[in-house]
Amino acid sequence: MVDAPEAAAGHRVTPDGRYFVVRERLWRLSDPELESGERERLVARLMNARRAVGAAKMSEDKIAMRKARAEVDASKRLLGERGPVWWNDGAPDYNRHMVRTTPYAVWFEGLGQKG
């Protein structure tokens, strides 16, 4: 099993290290090949974008909201959490799928608790 990145702390991580589970849904982890400094920079960028989404919601600024959400998406793509998968073995992407509908279902059921 791959060590769980800090972003997945407290959540179950699939044995292959590709996803973490929240409320029985799979969420893709960031690319483990990213260098530490680059990962930190991209996570900071993502957090700034998420704060901008919150500020846009508070101000009800639709243009700012579109820009902030685009920045969240761009940051997640650079981290490898969205867009093309970062693994190269041909396995499909199950990001945002319910774990019970994926090949990870047996693994998850074997944990005996919710994730």
C-alpha atoms as a PDB file:
ATOM      1  CA  MET A   1       0.000   0.000   0.000  1.00  0.00           C
ATOM      2  CA  VAL A   2       1.181   3.506  -0.819  1.00  0.00           C
ATOM      3  CA  ASP A   3       1.612   5.947   2.069  1.00  0.00           C
ATOM      4  CA  ALA A   4      -1.351   8.301   2.255  1.00  0.00           C
ATOM      5  CA  PRO A   5      -0.503  11.903   1.390  1.00  0.00           C
ATOM      6  CA  GLU A   6      -1.304  14.618   3.893  1.00  0.00           C
ATOM      7  CA  ALA A   7      -4.371  15.603   1.838  1.00  0.00           C
ATOM      8  CA  ALA A   8      -5.953  12.234   2.624  1.00  0.00           C
ATOM      9  CA  ALA A   9      -5.141  12.249   6.340  1.00  0.00           C
ATOM     10  CA  GLY A  10      -8.017  10.700   8.245  1.00  0.00           C
ATOM     11  CA  HIS A  11      -9.530   9.089   5.138  1.00  0.00           C
ATOM     12  CA  ARG A  12      -9.153   5.587   3.751  1.00  0.00           C
ATOM     13  CA  VAL A  13      -6.764   5.398   0.789  1.00  0.00           C
ATOM     14  CA  THR A  14      -7.117   2.697  -1.853  1.00  0.00           C
ATOM     15  CA  PRO A  15      -4.361   0.067  -1.832  1.00  0.00           C
ATOM     16  CA  ASP A  16      -2.909   1.455  -5.060  1.00  0.00           C
ATOM     17  CA  GLY A  17      -2.703   4.992  -3.611  1.00  0.00           C
ATOM     18  CA  ARG A  18      -4.831   6.551  -6.338  1.00  0.00           C
ATOM     19  CA  TYR A  19      -7.906   7.575  -4.353  1.00  0.00           C
ATOM     20  CA  PHE A  20      -9.144   8.440  -0.903  1.00  0.00           C
ATOM     21  CA  VAL A  21     -12.700   7.767   0.245  1.00  0.00           C
ATOM     22  CA  VAL A  22     -15.104  10.346   1.660  1.00  0.00           C
ATOM     23  CA  ARG A  23     -18.727   9.382   2.324  1.00  0.00           C
ATOM     24  CA  GLU A  24     -18.175   6.236   0.269  1.00  0.00           C
ATOM     25  CA  ARG A  25     -17.053   8.226  -2.804  1.00  0.00           C
ATOM     26  CA  LEU A  26     -13.613   7.986  -4.424  1.00  0.00           C
ATOM     27  CA  TRP A  27     -11.579  11.165  -4.867  1.00  0.00           C
ATOM     28  CA  ARG A  28      -8.367  11.123  -6.892  1.00  0.00           C
ATOM     29  CA  LEU A  29      -5.182  11.918  -4.993  1.00  0.00           C
ATOM     30  CA  SER A  30      -2.574  14.241  -6.416  1.00  0.00           C
ATOM     31  CA  ASP A  31       0.297  12.893  -8.472  1.00  0.00           C
ATOM     32  CA  PRO A  32       2.839  11.333  -6.083  1.00  0.00           C
ATOM     33  CA  GLU A  33       5.621  12.137  -8.568  1.00  0.00           C
ATOM     34  CA  LEU A  34       5.249  15.893  -7.996  1.00  0.00           C
ATOM     35  CA  GLU A  35       8.249  17.321  -6.184  1.00  0.00           C
ATOM     36  CA  SER A  36       7.517  18.514  -2.661  1.00  0.00           C
ATOM     37  CA  GLY A  37       8.099  22.195  -3.418  1.00  0.00           C
ATOM     38  CA  GLU A  38       5.941  22.094  -6.527  1.00  0.00           C
ATOM     39  CA  ARG A  39       3.166  20.280  -4.632  1.00  0.00           C
ATOM     40  CA  GLU A  40       3.274  22.907  -1.860  1.00  0.00           C
ATOM     41  CA  ARG A  41       3.109  25.724  -4.413  1.00  0.00           C
ATOM     42  CA  LEU A  42       0.144  24.131  -6.199  1.00  0.00           C
ATOM     43  CA  VAL A  43      -1.715  23.388  -2.950  1.00  0.00           C
ATOM     44  CA  ALA A  44      -1.246  27.024  -1.882  1.00  0.00           C
ATOM     45  CA  ARG A  45      -2.593  28.113  -5.269  1.00  0.00           C
ATOM     46  CA  LEU A  46      -5.592  25.799  -4.812  1.00  0.00           C
ATOM     47  CA  MET A  47      -6.309  27.108  -1.322  1.00  0.00           C
ATOM     48  CA  ASN A  48      -6.160  30.709  -2.578  1.00  0.00           C
ATOM     49  CA  ALA A  49      -8.586  29.817  -5.351  1.00  0.00           C
ATOM     50  CA  ARG A  50     -10.956  28.176  -2.871  1.00  0.00           C
ATOM     51  CA  ARG A  51     -10.861  31.290  -0.698  1.00  0.00           C
ATOM     52  CA  ALA A  52     -11.659  33.341  -3.815  1.00  0.00           C
ATOM     53  CA  VAL A  53     -14.691  31.107  -4.446  1.00  0.00           C
ATOM     54  CA  GLY A  54     -15.880  31.811  -0.917  1.00  0.00           C
ATOM     55  CA  ALA A  55     -15.364  35.549  -1.322  1.00  0.00           C
ATOM     56  CA  ALA A  56     -17.232  35.521  -4.647  1.00  0.00           C
ATOM     57  CA  LYS A  57     -20.135  33.691  -3.017  1.00  0.00           C
ATOM     58  CA  MET A  58     -20.286  36.240  -0.227  1.00  0.00           C
ATOM     59  CA  SER A  59     -20.265  39.153  -2.659  1.00  0.00           C
ATOM     60  CA  GLU A  60     -22.513  37.370  -5.177  1.00  0.00           C
ATOM     61  CA  ASP A  61     -20.044  38.353  -7.910  1.00  0.00           C
ATOM     62  CA  LYS A  62     -20.742  35.971 -10.797  1.00  0.00           C
ATOM     63  CA  ILE A  63     -17.682  37.004 -12.817  1.00  0.00           C
ATOM     64  CA  ALA A  64     -15.362  36.539  -9.842  1.00  0.00           C
ATOM     65  CA  MET A  65     -17.029  33.183  -9.155  1.00  0.00           C
ATOM     66  CA  ARG A  66     -16.364  31.964 -12.705  1.00  0.00           C
ATOM     67  CA  LYS A  67     -12.727  33.044 -12.473  1.00  0.00           C
ATOM     68  CA  ALA A  68     -12.239  31.499  -9.040  1.00  0.00           C
ATOM     69  CA  ARG A  69     -13.794  28.190 -10.056  1.00  0.00           C
ATOM     70  CA  ALA A  70     -11.642  28.112 -13.176  1.00  0.00           C
ATOM     71  CA  GLU A  71      -8.579  28.631 -10.978  1.00  0.00           C
ATOM     72  CA  VAL A  72      -9.658  25.783  -8.666  1.00  0.00           C
ATOM     73  CA  ASP A  73     -10.040  23.532 -11.705  1.00  0.00           C
ATOM     74  CA  ALA A  74      -6.669  24.570 -13.160  1.00  0.00           C
ATOM     75  CA  SER A  75      -4.920  23.961  -9.828  1.00  0.00           C
ATOM     76  CA  LYS A  76      -6.515  20.539  -9.420  1.00  0.00           C
ATOM     77  CA  ARG A  77      -5.483  19.587 -12.954  1.00  0.00           C
ATOM     78  CA  LEU A  78      -1.877  20.613 -12.276  1.00  0.00           C
ATOM     79  CA  LEU A  79      -1.946  18.540  -9.082  1.00  0.00           C
ATOM     80  CA  GLY A  80      -3.250  15.563 -11.075  1.00  0.00           C
ATOM     81  CA  GLU A  81      -6.549  15.416  -9.183  1.00  0.00           C
ATOM     82  CA  ARG A  82      -8.537  16.123 -12.372  1.00  0.00           C
ATOM     83  CA  GLY A  83      -7.908  15.727 -16.063  1.00  0.00           C
ATOM     84  CA  PRO A  84      -5.656  13.025 -17.473  1.00  0.00           C
ATOM     85  CA  VAL A  85      -4.681  10.380 -14.932  1.00  0.00           C
ATOM     86  CA  TRP A  86      -1.119  10.384 -13.588  1.00  0.00           C
ATOM     87  CA  TRP A  87      -0.686   6.608 -13.678  1.00  0.00           C
ATOM     88  CA  ASN A  88       0.351   4.846 -16.870  1.00  0.00           C
ATOM     89  CA  ASP A  89      -0.900   1.268 -16.528  1.00  0.00           C
ATOM     90  CA  GLY A  90      -4.089   1.875 -18.518  1.00  0.00           C
ATOM     91  CA  ALA A  91      -6.394   1.580 -15.496  1.00  0.00           C
ATOM     92  CA  PRO A  92      -9.571   3.663 -15.835  1.00  0.00           C
ATOM     93  CA  ASP A  93     -10.313   6.690 -13.699  1.00  0.00           C
ATOM     94  CA  TYR A  94     -12.932   6.237 -10.978  1.00  0.00           C
ATOM     95  CA  ASN A  95     -12.708   9.774  -9.602  1.00  0.00           C
ATOM     96  CA  ARG A  96     -16.006  10.818  -7.982  1.00  0.00           C
ATOM     97  CA  HIS A  97     -17.509   7.323  -8.362  1.00  0.00           C
ATOM     98  CA  MET A  98     -19.207   5.613  -5.469  1.00  0.00           C
ATOM     99  CA  VAL A  99     -16.731   3.024  -4.223  1.00  0.00           C
ATOM    100  CA  ARG A 100     -19.368   0.263  -4.280  1.00  0.00           C
ATOM    101  CA  THR A 101     -19.678   0.616  -8.086  1.00  0.00           C
ATOM    102  CA  THR A 102     -15.949   0.195  -8.755  1.00  0.00           C
ATOM    103  CA  PRO A 103     -13.363  -2.584  -8.539  1.00  0.00           C
ATOM    104  CA  TYR A 104     -12.506  -1.173  -5.085  1.00  0.00           C
ATOM    105  CA  ALA A 105     -15.855  -2.354  -3.671  1.00  0.00           C
ATOM    106  CA  VAL A 106     -14.527  -5.631  -2.218  1.00  0.00           C
ATOM    107  CA  TRP A 107     -11.562  -3.850  -0.629  1.00  0.00           C
ATOM    108  CA  PHE A 108     -13.843  -1.237   0.914  1.00  0.00           C
ATOM    109  CA  GLU A 109     -16.364  -3.786   2.197  1.00  0.00           C
ATOM    110  CA  GLY A 110     -13.460  -5.639   3.796  1.00  0.00           C
ATOM    111  CA  LEU A 111     -12.637  -2.592   5.908  1.00  0.00           C
ATOM    112  CA  GLY A 112     -15.849  -3.135   7.841  1.00  0.00           C
ATOM    113  CA  GLN A 113     -16.488   0.556   8.379  1.00  0.00           C
ATOM    114  CA  LYS A 114     -17.558   3.646   6.510  1.00  0.00           C
ATOM    115  CA  GLY A 115     -14.956   5.913   4.874  1.00  0.00           C
END
